[in-house]
Amino acid sequence: MTLLIDGGMGQELRARGLNPDAKTAGQALIESPKVVQEVHEEFINAGAEVITVWNYALTKHRLGLSNMAHRINEMTRIAVEMANEAREHAGNSKVRIAGCLPPLRESYQTNEQEFNSMTKEYTEIANFLAPGVDLFLCETMSSATEAAAAAKAASAFGKPVWVSWTLRDEADGLLRSGETIDDALAALDKIPIEAVLLNCCDVNAVENAMTTLRAKTTHLIGAYANAFTPITKDWKRDGDHLRELQDLTPEGYADQVLHWCANGAQVIGGCCGIGPAHISHLRQLIDKGILVTG
């Protein structure tokens, strides 16, 4: 059975005039929380079976860029409430809510924090999330160590833990850190994990790695790619500059996802730039028996 998760929140909010740059990401939770709820509902109505709490930017480092680190608890609580209210308002109690454990620093950059320090910070985030989520999603993990720290923290709360790594867009099968999938799996060896996924990278990077991932683990596997134009391994964020999006239609994205499923993907969805229309199209193909795990 193919499990469908949601798409990316950030671009949907930008289309509504919110969340305009990286520095103020998360501000919509204070200014327009009901819009966040509405986007969650759109993904549920499109057929998503799992939605992710929009707390990706709610870390001490990211909030500190706009002098809001002291509001992390408050903002995370709002994010959890919006996801739960969306599920209730959509009238679909079967939808599961995933609490996000994001990169503690910038996306795609290897975090040089000491392991125990990362685990402590992730434990604080997980503690804010735990009362209102059904599982934890450690997502966009650029290195084996940060993924392990997030997973270790999440595993203490008695809920399923999913780990999702982001790969280089060159489609060489390596994490953004340059580590291999073997390295990433080995770091999780003693941590109870339900699923291992790939996300926030180019569709081709996912396709080239899916067969390898299936061969190396018995966990649930899957992916949710983004629609950004590919970047090189040496890419660095240029201030608050936002990356450009490809013209990736729902049909074009589904064509890519079809290959992932043929190679073993059991969990599919979308990341940055993949909206409700993409998820709706994937739902239709799943229901028709076209998108099935090979």
C-alpha atoms as a PDB file:
ATOM      1  CA  MET A   1       0.000   0.000   0.000  1.00  0.00           C
ATOM      2  CA  THR A   2       1.275   3.475  -0.915  1.00  0.00           C
ATOM      3  CA  LEU A   3       1.035   6.092   1.851  1.00  0.00           C
ATOM      4  CA  LEU A   4       0.522   9.696   0.734  1.00  0.00           C
ATOM      5  CA  ILE A   5       1.874  12.590   2.780  1.00  0.00           C
ATOM      6  CA  ASP A   6       1.391  16.316   2.177  1.00  0.00           C
ATOM      7  CA  GLY A   7       3.392  18.862   0.194  1.00  0.00           C
ATOM      8  CA  GLY A   8       5.326  22.023   1.015  1.00  0.00           C
ATOM      9  CA  MET A   9       3.791  24.725   3.201  1.00  0.00           C
ATOM     10  CA  GLY A  10       6.286  27.544   2.577  1.00  0.00           C
ATOM     11  CA  GLN A  11       5.539  28.193  -1.094  1.00  0.00           C
ATOM     12  CA  GLU A  12       1.804  27.967  -0.491  1.00  0.00           C
ATOM     13  CA  LEU A  13       2.050  30.696   2.128  1.00  0.00           C
ATOM     14  CA  ARG A  14       4.202  32.840  -0.151  1.00  0.00           C
ATOM     15  CA  ALA A  15       1.503  32.592  -2.805  1.00  0.00           C
ATOM     16  CA  ARG A  16      -0.798  34.147  -0.218  1.00  0.00           C
ATOM     17  CA  GLY A  17       1.613  36.979   0.585  1.00  0.00           C
ATOM     18  CA  LEU A  18       3.032  35.380   3.745  1.00  0.00           C
ATOM     19  CA  ASN A  19       6.390  33.865   4.699  1.00  0.00           C
ATOM     20  CA  PRO A  20       8.287  36.113   2.250  1.00  0.00           C
ATOM     21  CA  ASP A  21      11.877  35.248   3.184  1.00  0.00           C
ATOM     22  CA  ALA A  22      14.074  32.894   5.184  1.00  0.00           C
ATOM     23  CA  LYS A  23      14.746  35.343   7.998  1.00  0.00           C
ATOM     24  CA  THR A  24      11.105  35.745   8.963  1.00  0.00           C
ATOM     25  CA  ALA A  25       9.982  32.186   8.204  1.00  0.00           C
ATOM     26  CA  GLY A  26       7.436  31.144  10.789  1.00  0.00           C
ATOM     27  CA  GLN A  27       6.070  34.662  11.269  1.00  0.00           C
ATOM     28  CA  ALA A  28       2.796  33.595   9.666  1.00  0.00           C
ATOM     29  CA  LEU A  29       2.059  31.589  12.798  1.00  0.00           C
ATOM     30  CA  ILE A  30       1.822  34.863  14.686  1.00  0.00           C
ATOM     31  CA  GLU A  31       0.297  37.033  11.984  1.00  0.00           C
ATOM     32  CA  SER A  32      -2.079  34.663  10.168  1.00  0.00           C
ATOM     33  CA  PRO A  33      -2.286  31.264  11.866  1.00  0.00           C
ATOM     34  CA  LYS A  34      -5.631  30.459  10.282  1.00  0.00           C
ATOM     35  CA  VAL A  35      -4.046  30.644   6.831  1.00  0.00           C
ATOM     36  CA  VAL A  36      -1.597  27.953   7.934  1.00  0.00           C
ATOM     37  CA  GLN A  37      -4.601  25.900   9.036  1.00  0.00           C
ATOM     38  CA  GLU A  38      -6.283  26.448   5.676  1.00  0.00           C
ATOM     39  CA  VAL A  39      -3.254  25.167   3.762  1.00  0.00           C
ATOM     40  CA  HIS A  40      -3.152  22.076   5.967  1.00  0.00           C
ATOM     41  CA  GLU A  41      -6.837  21.533   5.156  1.00  0.00           C
ATOM     42  CA  GLU A  42      -6.160  21.868   1.441  1.00  0.00           C
ATOM     43  CA  PHE A  43      -3.605  19.079   1.651  1.00  0.00           C
ATOM     44  CA  ILE A  44      -6.009  16.905   3.657  1.00  0.00           C
ATOM     45  CA  ASN A  45      -8.801  17.521   1.149  1.00  0.00           C
ATOM     46  CA  ALA A  46      -6.353  16.690  -1.642  1.00  0.00           C
ATOM     47  CA  GLY A  47      -5.933  13.246  -0.128  1.00  0.00           C
ATOM     48  CA  ALA A  48      -2.887  13.449   2.137  1.00  0.00           C
ATOM     49  CA  GLU A  49      -2.911  10.823   4.882  1.00  0.00           C
ATOM     50  CA  VAL A  50      -0.150  12.520   6.883  1.00  0.00           C
ATOM     51  CA  ILE A  51       0.332  16.263   7.363  1.00  0.00           C
ATOM     52  CA  THR A  52       3.413  17.813   8.943  1.00  0.00           C
ATOM     53  CA  VAL A  53       3.278  20.511  11.595  1.00  0.00           C
ATOM     54  CA  TRP A  54       4.671  23.733  10.133  1.00  0.00           C
ATOM     55  CA  ASN A  55       7.475  24.248  12.627  1.00  0.00           C
ATOM     56  CA  TYR A  56      10.387  23.764  10.221  1.00  0.00           C
ATOM     57  CA  ALA A  57      11.759  27.254  10.917  1.00  0.00           C
ATOM     58  CA  LEU A  58      11.122  27.132  14.658  1.00  0.00           C
ATOM     59  CA  THR A  59      14.600  26.560  16.041  1.00  0.00           C
ATOM     60  CA  LYS A  60      16.544  28.814  18.390  1.00  0.00           C
ATOM     61  CA  HIS A  61      18.988  29.674  15.630  1.00  0.00           C
ATOM     62  CA  ARG A  62      16.417  30.473  12.941  1.00  0.00           C
ATOM     63  CA  LEU A  63      14.137  32.424  15.266  1.00  0.00           C
ATOM     64  CA  GLY A  64      17.173  34.219  16.664  1.00  0.00           C
ATOM     65  CA  LEU A  65      17.724  35.838  13.262  1.00  0.00           C
ATOM     66  CA  SER A  66      14.619  37.920  13.931  1.00  0.00           C
ATOM     67  CA  ASN A  67      15.054  38.169  17.724  1.00  0.00           C
ATOM     68  CA  MET A  68      12.216  35.722  18.352  1.00  0.00           C
ATOM     69  CA  ALA A  69      14.050  32.773  19.928  1.00  0.00           C
ATOM     70  CA  HIS A  70      12.199  33.377  23.195  1.00  0.00           C
ATOM     71  CA  ARG A  71       8.910  32.598  21.411  1.00  0.00           C
ATOM     72  CA  ILE A  72       9.812  29.089  20.227  1.00  0.00           C
ATOM     73  CA  ASN A  73       7.475  27.368  22.682  1.00  0.00           C
ATOM     74  CA  GLU A  74       4.553  29.679  21.909  1.00  0.00           C
ATOM     75  CA  MET A  75       5.015  29.441  18.134  1.00  0.00           C
ATOM     76  CA  THR A  76       5.425  25.667  18.158  1.00  0.00           C
ATOM     77  CA  ARG A  77       2.242  25.374  20.213  1.00  0.00           C
ATOM     78  CA  ILE A  78       0.375  27.447  17.612  1.00  0.00           C
ATOM     79  CA  ALA A  79       1.793  25.318  14.795  1.00  0.00           C
ATOM     80  CA  VAL A  80       0.596  22.138  16.504  1.00  0.00           C
ATOM     81  CA  GLU A  81      -2.831  23.652  17.140  1.00  0.00           C
ATOM     82  CA  MET A  82      -3.239  24.663  13.491  1.00  0.00           C
ATOM     83  CA  ALA A  83      -2.465  21.139  12.273  1.00  0.00           C
ATOM     84  CA  ASN A  84      -4.907  19.600  14.749  1.00  0.00           C
ATOM     85  CA  GLU A  85      -7.630  22.132  13.995  1.00  0.00           C
ATOM     86  CA  ALA A  86      -7.184  21.476  10.285  1.00  0.00           C
ATOM     87  CA  ARG A  87      -7.682  17.758  10.805  1.00  0.00           C
ATOM     88  CA  GLU A  88     -10.769  18.367  12.919  1.00  0.00           C
ATOM     89  CA  HIS A  89     -12.266  20.918  10.531  1.00  0.00           C
ATOM     90  CA  ALA A  90     -11.615  18.659   7.537  1.00  0.00           C
ATOM     91  CA  GLY A  91     -13.491  15.919   9.348  1.00  0.00           C
ATOM     92  CA  ASN A  92     -10.887  13.248   8.699  1.00  0.00           C
ATOM     93  CA  SER A  93      -9.766  11.689  11.963  1.00  0.00           C
ATOM     94  CA  LYS A  94      -7.681   9.085  10.123  1.00  0.00           C
ATOM     95  CA  VAL A  95      -5.148  11.716   9.036  1.00  0.00           C
ATOM     96  CA  ARG A  96      -1.981  11.514  11.106  1.00  0.00           C
ATOM     97  CA  ILE A  97       0.008  14.534  12.223  1.00  0.00           C
ATOM     98  CA  ALA A  98       3.791  14.490  12.038  1.00  0.00           C
ATOM     99  CA  GLY A  99       5.861  16.721  14.290  1.00  0.00           C
ATOM    100  CA  CYS A 100       8.821  18.160  12.407  1.00  0.00           C
ATOM    101  CA  LEU A 101      12.374  17.957  13.741  1.00  0.00           C
ATOM    102  CA  PRO A 102      14.196  20.216  11.261  1.00  0.00           C
ATOM    103  CA  PRO A 103      17.838  21.186  10.727  1.00  0.00           C
ATOM    104  CA  LEU A 104      18.930  23.213  13.748  1.00  0.00           C
ATOM    105  CA  ARG A 105      20.937  25.607  11.575  1.00  0.00           C
ATOM    106  CA  GLU A 106      20.613  26.414   7.850  1.00  0.00           C
ATOM    107  CA  SER A 107      19.153  23.877   5.446  1.00  0.00           C
ATOM    108  CA  TYR A 108      21.679  21.840   3.439  1.00  0.00           C
ATOM    109  CA  GLN A 109      24.617  22.847   5.650  1.00  0.00           C
ATOM    110  CA  THR A 110      26.383  20.334   7.896  1.00  0.00           C
ATOM    111  CA  ASN A 111      25.787  21.186  11.556  1.00  0.00           C
ATOM    112  CA  GLU A 112      29.041  21.195  13.532  1.00  0.00           C
ATOM    113  CA  GLN A 113      27.317  21.118  16.934  1.00  0.00           C
ATOM    114  CA  GLU A 114      28.393  18.371  19.321  1.00  0.00           C
ATOM    115  CA  PHE A 115      26.061  15.352  19.205  1.00  0.00           C
ATOM    116  CA  ASN A 116      24.777  15.658  22.788  1.00  0.00           C
ATOM    117  CA  SER A 117      24.122  19.358  22.287  1.00  0.00           C
ATOM    118  CA  MET A 118      22.032  18.628  19.185  1.00  0.00           C
ATOM    119  CA  THR A 119      20.164  15.846  20.974  1.00  0.00           C
ATOM    120  CA  LYS A 120      19.319  18.174  23.859  1.00  0.00           C
ATOM    121  CA  GLU A 121      18.001  20.845  21.504  1.00  0.00           C
ATOM    122  CA  TYR A 122      15.954  18.308  19.563  1.00  0.00           C
ATOM    123  CA  THR A 123      14.534  16.927  22.803  1.00  0.00           C
ATOM    124  CA  GLU A 124      13.255  20.406  23.675  1.00  0.00           C
ATOM    125  CA  ILE A 125      11.523  20.725  20.290  1.00  0.00           C
ATOM    126  CA  ALA A 126      10.074  17.212  20.505  1.00  0.00           C
ATOM    127  CA  ASN A 127       8.765  17.978  23.986  1.00  0.00           C
ATOM    128  CA  PHE A 128       6.844  20.986  22.614  1.00  0.00           C
ATOM    129  CA  LEU A 129       5.392  18.821  19.817  1.00  0.00           C
ATOM    130  CA  ALA A 130       4.684  15.523  21.543  1.00  0.00           C
ATOM    131  CA  PRO A 131       1.246  16.233  23.060  1.00  0.00           C
ATOM    132  CA  GLY A 132      -0.281  17.024  19.658  1.00  0.00           C
ATOM    133  CA  VAL A 133       1.392  14.726  17.126  1.00  0.00           C
ATOM    134  CA  ASP A 134       1.098  11.095  16.089  1.00  0.00           C
ATOM    135  CA  LEU A 135       4.669  10.632  14.879  1.00  0.00           C
ATOM    136  CA  PHE A 136       7.942  12.486  14.495  1.00  0.00           C
ATOM    137  CA  LEU A 137       9.531  13.371  11.157  1.00  0.00           C
ATOM    138  CA  CYS A 138      13.241  14.229  11.306  1.00  0.00           C
ATOM    139  CA  GLU A 139      13.415  15.888   7.910  1.00  0.00           C
ATOM    140  CA  THR A 140      15.865  17.532   5.529  1.00  0.00           C
ATOM    141  CA  MET A 141      18.754  15.988   7.431  1.00  0.00           C
ATOM    142  CA  SER A 142      22.028  16.887   5.685  1.00  0.00           C
ATOM    143  CA  SER A 143      24.294  14.630   7.726  1.00  0.00           C
ATOM    144  CA  ALA A 144      24.220  11.240   9.401  1.00  0.00           C
ATOM    145  CA  THR A 145      25.064  12.738  12.795  1.00  0.00           C
ATOM    146  CA  GLU A 146      22.315  15.355  12.866  1.00  0.00           C
ATOM    147  CA  ALA A 147      19.751  12.788  11.726  1.00  0.00           C
ATOM    148  CA  ALA A 148      20.844  10.429  14.495  1.00  0.00           C
ATOM    149  CA  ALA A 149      20.629  13.194  17.107  1.00  0.00           C
ATOM    150  CA  ALA A 150      17.103  14.104  16.006  1.00  0.00           C
ATOM    151  CA  ALA A 151      16.001  10.475  15.883  1.00  0.00           C
ATOM    152  CA  LYS A 152      17.472   9.684  19.283  1.00  0.00           C
ATOM    153  CA  ALA A 153      15.632  12.620  20.830  1.00  0.00           C
ATOM    154  CA  ALA A 154      12.346  11.690  19.146  1.00  0.00           C
ATOM    155  CA  SER A 155      12.589   8.022  20.106  1.00  0.00           C
ATOM    156  CA  ALA A 156      12.224   8.875  23.802  1.00  0.00           C
ATOM    157  CA  PHE A 157       8.566   9.887  23.362  1.00  0.00           C
ATOM    158  CA  GLY A 158       7.069   6.515  22.430  1.00  0.00           C
ATOM    159  CA  LYS A 159       5.816   7.567  19.003  1.00  0.00           C
ATOM    160  CA  PRO A 160       6.871   6.339  15.525  1.00  0.00           C
ATOM    161  CA  VAL A 161       9.998   8.046  14.192  1.00  0.00           C
ATOM    162  CA  TRP A 162      10.659   8.741  10.523  1.00  0.00           C
ATOM    163  CA  VAL A 163      14.013  10.036   9.296  1.00  0.00           C
ATOM    164  CA  SER A 164      14.399  11.819   5.974  1.00  0.00           C
ATOM    165  CA  TRP A 165      17.740  12.839   4.485  1.00  0.00           C
ATOM    166  CA  THR A 166      18.335  15.448   1.796  1.00  0.00           C
ATOM    167  CA  LEU A 167      20.679  14.465  -1.040  1.00  0.00           C
ATOM    168  CA  ARG A 168      22.963  16.402  -3.341  1.00  0.00           C
ATOM    169  CA  ASP A 169      21.145  17.581  -6.441  1.00  0.00           C
ATOM    170  CA  GLU A 170      23.965  16.198  -8.604  1.00  0.00           C
ATOM    171  CA  ALA A 171      22.236  12.830  -8.138  1.00  0.00           C
ATOM    172  CA  ASP A 172      25.433  11.151  -6.961  1.00  0.00           C
ATOM    173  CA  GLY A 173      23.572   9.363  -4.146  1.00  0.00           C
ATOM    174  CA  LEU A 174      25.337  11.276  -1.364  1.00  0.00           C
ATOM    175  CA  LEU A 175      23.897  13.309   1.480  1.00  0.00           C
ATOM    176  CA  ARG A 176      24.570  17.055   1.386  1.00  0.00           C
ATOM    177  CA  SER A 177      27.427  16.345   3.822  1.00  0.00           C
ATOM    178  CA  GLY A 178      29.071  14.022   1.296  1.00  0.00           C
ATOM    179  CA  GLU A 179      28.266  10.934   3.371  1.00  0.00           C
ATOM    180  CA  THR A 180      26.777   7.795   1.855  1.00  0.00           C
ATOM    181  CA  ILE A 181      23.408   6.211   2.549  1.00  0.00           C
ATOM    182  CA  ASP A 182      25.350   3.411   4.259  1.00  0.00           C
ATOM    183  CA  ASP A 183      26.825   6.026   6.627  1.00  0.00           C
ATOM    184  CA  ALA A 184      23.387   7.474   7.291  1.00  0.00           C
ATOM    185  CA  LEU A 185      21.791   4.113   8.032  1.00  0.00           C
ATOM    186  CA  ALA A 186      24.678   3.006  10.238  1.00  0.00           C
ATOM    187  CA  ALA A 187      24.219   6.096  12.443  1.00  0.00           C
ATOM    188  CA  LEU A 188      20.622   4.981  13.121  1.00  0.00           C
ATOM    189  CA  ASP A 189      21.507   1.367  13.809  1.00  0.00           C
ATOM    190  CA  LYS A 190      20.590   1.377  17.509  1.00  0.00           C
ATOM    191  CA  ILE A 191      17.659   3.794  17.294  1.00  0.00           C
ATOM    192  CA  PRO A 192      14.096   2.496  16.744  1.00  0.00           C
ATOM    193  CA  ILE A 193      12.999   3.874  13.368  1.00  0.00           C
ATOM    194  CA  GLU A 194       9.833   3.154  11.392  1.00  0.00           C
ATOM    195  CA  ALA A 195      10.708   4.783   8.058  1.00  0.00           C
ATOM    196  CA  VAL A 196      13.662   6.247   6.192  1.00  0.00           C
ATOM    197  CA  LEU A 197      12.952   8.757   3.450  1.00  0.00           C
ATOM    198  CA  LEU A 198      14.563  11.232   1.062  1.00  0.00           C
ATOM    199  CA  ASN A 199      13.352  14.814   0.742  1.00  0.00           C
ATOM    200  CA  CYS A 200      14.048  18.411  -0.273  1.00  0.00           C
ATOM    201  CA  CYS A 201      16.227  17.507  -3.221  1.00  0.00           C
ATOM    202  CA  ASP A 202      15.820  17.231  -6.973  1.00  0.00           C
ATOM    203  CA  VAL A 203      13.524  14.538  -8.344  1.00  0.00           C
ATOM    204  CA  ASN A 204      16.410  12.929 -10.200  1.00  0.00           C
ATOM    205  CA  ALA A 205      18.480  12.679  -7.028  1.00  0.00           C
ATOM    206  CA  VAL A 206      15.638  10.716  -5.466  1.00  0.00           C
ATOM    207  CA  GLU A 207      15.206   8.422  -8.446  1.00  0.00           C
ATOM    208  CA  ASN A 208      18.903   7.537  -8.580  1.00  0.00           C
ATOM    209  CA  ALA A 209      18.993   6.672  -4.867  1.00  0.00           C
ATOM    210  CA  MET A 210      15.719   4.812  -4.337  1.00  0.00           C
ATOM    211  CA  THR A 211      16.947   1.401  -5.491  1.00  0.00           C
ATOM    212  CA  THR A 212      19.989   1.698  -3.227  1.00  0.00           C
ATOM    213  CA  LEU A 213      17.848   2.673  -0.264  1.00  0.00           C
ATOM    214  CA  ARG A 214      15.485  -0.270  -0.819  1.00  0.00           C
ATOM    215  CA  ALA A 215      18.393  -2.716  -1.001  1.00  0.00           C
ATOM    216  CA  LYS A 216      19.941  -1.531   2.252  1.00  0.00           C
ATOM    217  CA  THR A 217      17.040  -1.419   4.723  1.00  0.00           C
ATOM    218  CA  THR A 218      13.896  -3.263   5.737  1.00  0.00           C
ATOM    219  CA  HIS A 219      12.263  -0.082   7.047  1.00  0.00           C
ATOM    220  CA  LEU A 220       9.493   1.679   5.186  1.00  0.00           C
ATOM    221  CA  ILE A 221      11.086   3.851   2.509  1.00  0.00           C
ATOM    222  CA  GLY A 222       9.924   6.716   0.358  1.00  0.00           C
ATOM    223  CA  ALA A 223      10.498  10.276  -0.744  1.00  0.00           C
ATOM    224  CA  TYR A 224       9.087  13.760  -1.183  1.00  0.00           C
ATOM    225  CA  ALA A 225      11.155  15.896  -3.532  1.00  0.00           C
ATOM    226  CA  ASN A 226      11.024  19.614  -4.217  1.00  0.00           C
ATOM    227  CA  ALA A 227      10.447  21.743  -7.287  1.00  0.00           C
ATOM    228  CA  PHE A 228      13.444  24.036  -6.823  1.00  0.00           C
ATOM    229  CA  THR A 229      15.995  24.260  -9.581  1.00  0.00           C
ATOM    230  CA  PRO A 230      18.981  21.996  -8.763  1.00  0.00           C
ATOM    231  CA  ILE A 231      21.995  23.420  -6.927  1.00  0.00           C
ATOM    232  CA  THR A 232      25.610  22.335  -6.674  1.00  0.00           C
ATOM    233  CA  LYS A 233      27.181  20.777  -3.601  1.00  0.00           C
ATOM    234  CA  ASP A 234      29.009  24.066  -2.957  1.00  0.00           C
ATOM    235  CA  TRP A 235      25.826  26.166  -2.841  1.00  0.00           C
ATOM    236  CA  LYS A 236      25.471  28.629   0.024  1.00  0.00           C
ATOM    237  CA  ARG A 237      22.389  30.662   0.917  1.00  0.00           C
ATOM    238  CA  ASP A 238      22.733  34.248  -0.278  1.00  0.00           C
ATOM    239  CA  GLY A 239      21.091  36.152   2.552  1.00  0.00           C
ATOM    240  CA  ASP A 240      17.314  35.886   2.286  1.00  0.00           C
ATOM    241  CA  HIS A 241      17.417  35.146  -1.457  1.00  0.00           C
ATOM    242  CA  LEU A 242      14.891  32.462  -2.388  1.00  0.00           C
ATOM    243  CA  ARG A 243      15.681  29.745  -4.893  1.00  0.00           C
ATOM    244  CA  GLU A 244      13.819  29.596  -8.184  1.00  0.00           C
ATOM    245  CA  LEU A 245      11.150  26.992  -8.844  1.00  0.00           C
ATOM    246  CA  GLN A 246      10.992  24.679 -11.833  1.00  0.00           C
ATOM    247  CA  ASP A 247       7.799  24.437 -13.840  1.00  0.00           C
ATOM    248  CA  LEU A 248       6.965  21.032 -12.414  1.00  0.00           C
ATOM    249  CA  THR A 249       3.331  20.237 -13.163  1.00  0.00           C
ATOM    250  CA  PRO A 250       1.301  17.703 -11.161  1.00  0.00           C
ATOM    251  CA  GLU A 251       1.506  15.340 -14.122  1.00  0.00           C
ATOM    252  CA  GLY A 252       5.251  15.825 -14.549  1.00  0.00           C
ATOM    253  CA  TYR A 253       5.899  15.278 -10.855  1.00  0.00           C
ATOM    254  CA  ALA A 254       3.730  12.147 -10.839  1.00  0.00           C
ATOM    255  CA  ASP A 255       5.756  10.733 -13.722  1.00  0.00           C
ATOM    256  CA  GLN A 256       8.840  10.961 -11.508  1.00  0.00           C
ATOM    257  CA  VAL A 257       7.060   9.488  -8.478  1.00  0.00           C
ATOM    258  CA  LEU A 258       5.953   6.539 -10.590  1.00  0.00           C
ATOM    259  CA  HIS A 259       9.615   5.526 -10.955  1.00  0.00           C
ATOM    260  CA  TRP A 260      10.178   5.826  -7.195  1.00  0.00           C
ATOM    261  CA  CYS A 261       7.269   3.515  -6.485  1.00  0.00           C
ATOM    262  CA  ALA A 262       8.504   1.007  -9.058  1.00  0.00           C
ATOM    263  CA  ASN A 263      11.812   0.974  -7.173  1.00  0.00           C
ATOM    264  CA  GLY A 264      10.221   0.347  -3.777  1.00  0.00           C
ATOM    265  CA  ALA A 265       8.932   3.666  -2.417  1.00  0.00           C
ATOM    266  CA  GLN A 266       6.054   3.138   0.003  1.00  0.00           C
ATOM    267  CA  VAL A 267       5.680   6.702   1.314  1.00  0.00           C
ATOM    268  CA  ILE A 268       5.335   9.547  -1.187  1.00  0.00           C
ATOM    269  CA  GLY A 269       4.473  13.229  -1.106  1.00  0.00           C
ATOM    270  CA  GLY A 270       6.057  16.571  -1.871  1.00  0.00           C
ATOM    271  CA  CYS A 271       8.405  19.173  -0.428  1.00  0.00           C
ATOM    272  CA  CYS A 272       9.116  22.790  -1.480  1.00  0.00           C
ATOM    273  CA  GLY A 273       6.924  23.939  -4.358  1.00  0.00           C
ATOM    274  CA  ILE A 274       4.781  20.798  -4.417  1.00  0.00           C
ATOM    275  CA  GLY A 275       1.262  21.958  -3.658  1.00  0.00           C
ATOM    276  CA  PRO A 276      -2.228  20.556  -3.111  1.00  0.00           C
ATOM    277  CA  ALA A 277      -2.783  20.091  -6.858  1.00  0.00           C
ATOM    278  CA  HIS A 278       0.256  17.786  -7.029  1.00  0.00           C
ATOM    279  CA  ILE A 279      -0.924  15.816  -3.997  1.00  0.00           C
ATOM    280  CA  SER A 280      -4.441  15.540  -5.420  1.00  0.00           C
ATOM    281  CA  HIS A 281      -3.081  14.102  -8.657  1.00  0.00           C
ATOM    282  CA  LEU A 282      -0.969  11.573  -6.753  1.00  0.00           C
ATOM    283  CA  ARG A 283      -4.089  10.613  -4.751  1.00  0.00           C
ATOM    284  CA  GLN A 284      -6.008   9.916  -7.948  1.00  0.00           C
ATOM    285  CA  LEU A 285      -3.228   7.711  -9.300  1.00  0.00           C
ATOM    286  CA  ILE A 286      -2.963   5.803  -6.019  1.00  0.00           C
ATOM    287  CA  ASP A 287      -6.714   5.229  -5.962  1.00  0.00           C
ATOM    288  CA  LYS A 288      -6.589   3.966  -9.546  1.00  0.00           C
ATOM    289  CA  GLY A 289      -3.864   1.494  -8.618  1.00  0.00           C
ATOM    290  CA  ILE A 290      -1.284   3.204 -10.837  1.00  0.00           C
ATOM    291  CA  LEU A 291       1.058   4.387  -8.082  1.00  0.00           C
ATOM    292  CA  VAL A 292       1.854   1.164  -6.277  1.00  0.00           C
ATOM    293  CA  THR A 293       5.029  -0.048  -4.648  1.00  0.00           C
ATOM    294  CA  GLY A 294       7.066  -2.330  -6.888  1.00  0.00           C
END
